[in-house]
């Protein structure tokens, strides 16, 4: 498939036990309470949403379940995660979500979107795949948002991860118990190669993957957003998932 970033999450979510699968789904949408509260406070009616790198589609699933989604499009390059999303949407009888399996660098975007999601540091995947891809994607997003539309972004400060090694443990019902990773820094490309090893909860199976992520500061991102047509003033949201991550919202001018 080319660059490692395009295949890193294939096979990530696999369940043989229906009860464990359902518990996992509910845990994933349960993580999004603060996001849902922000959407309720920000918008007066259900919204049109584009989710870049939508993964299992949990953001769109939660919005539809809450009655906040007019229409949602999720673009995900991983075939296995796309299938997971399709099955989840069908099992929960959701009708407002369109999952697309494709490369967000080339996939078609819907027009007149109220909110675009770029969560889980997806924007930092882009320039390592193709030089200038992040800037081009920000411009495409701005072109497809309504006037006054918003782009929600998760940005990770990778400076503290350069050349580091660490591990973490996941809570049940996640099928993986441990994650071990190292992050060698490439100064020529200004990227961190995030090399991950997942260890299964019940069977100790191993799954290895590698990502190449751009080291990007909030100041650099803000300059890119302004160049793409967004306002310079960003809204910062509470984000407790990872202390190295910042969640910001950029807005397209109303005129």
Foldseek 3Di string as FASTA:
>chain_A
DADQLLAQCAPVDDDPDPVQLVVVLVVLLVVCVQVVVVLVVPDDAAFEEEEEQCQLVSVVVNCVVVRRHPAYEYEHQHPRSLVNNVVVCVVVVHDRYHYHHDDLLPDDDAAAGQEYEAEPQNLQQQCVRPNPSSLVSLLVVLRRYAAFHKYKHKHFQCPVQAQDWDKDADDPPRQFGMKTWHWHADVVQQWTWTWIWTAGDPPRDIDIGIGIGHNDDPVRVLVSNVVSAWDSDWAWGDDDPDPRMTIIMITHHND
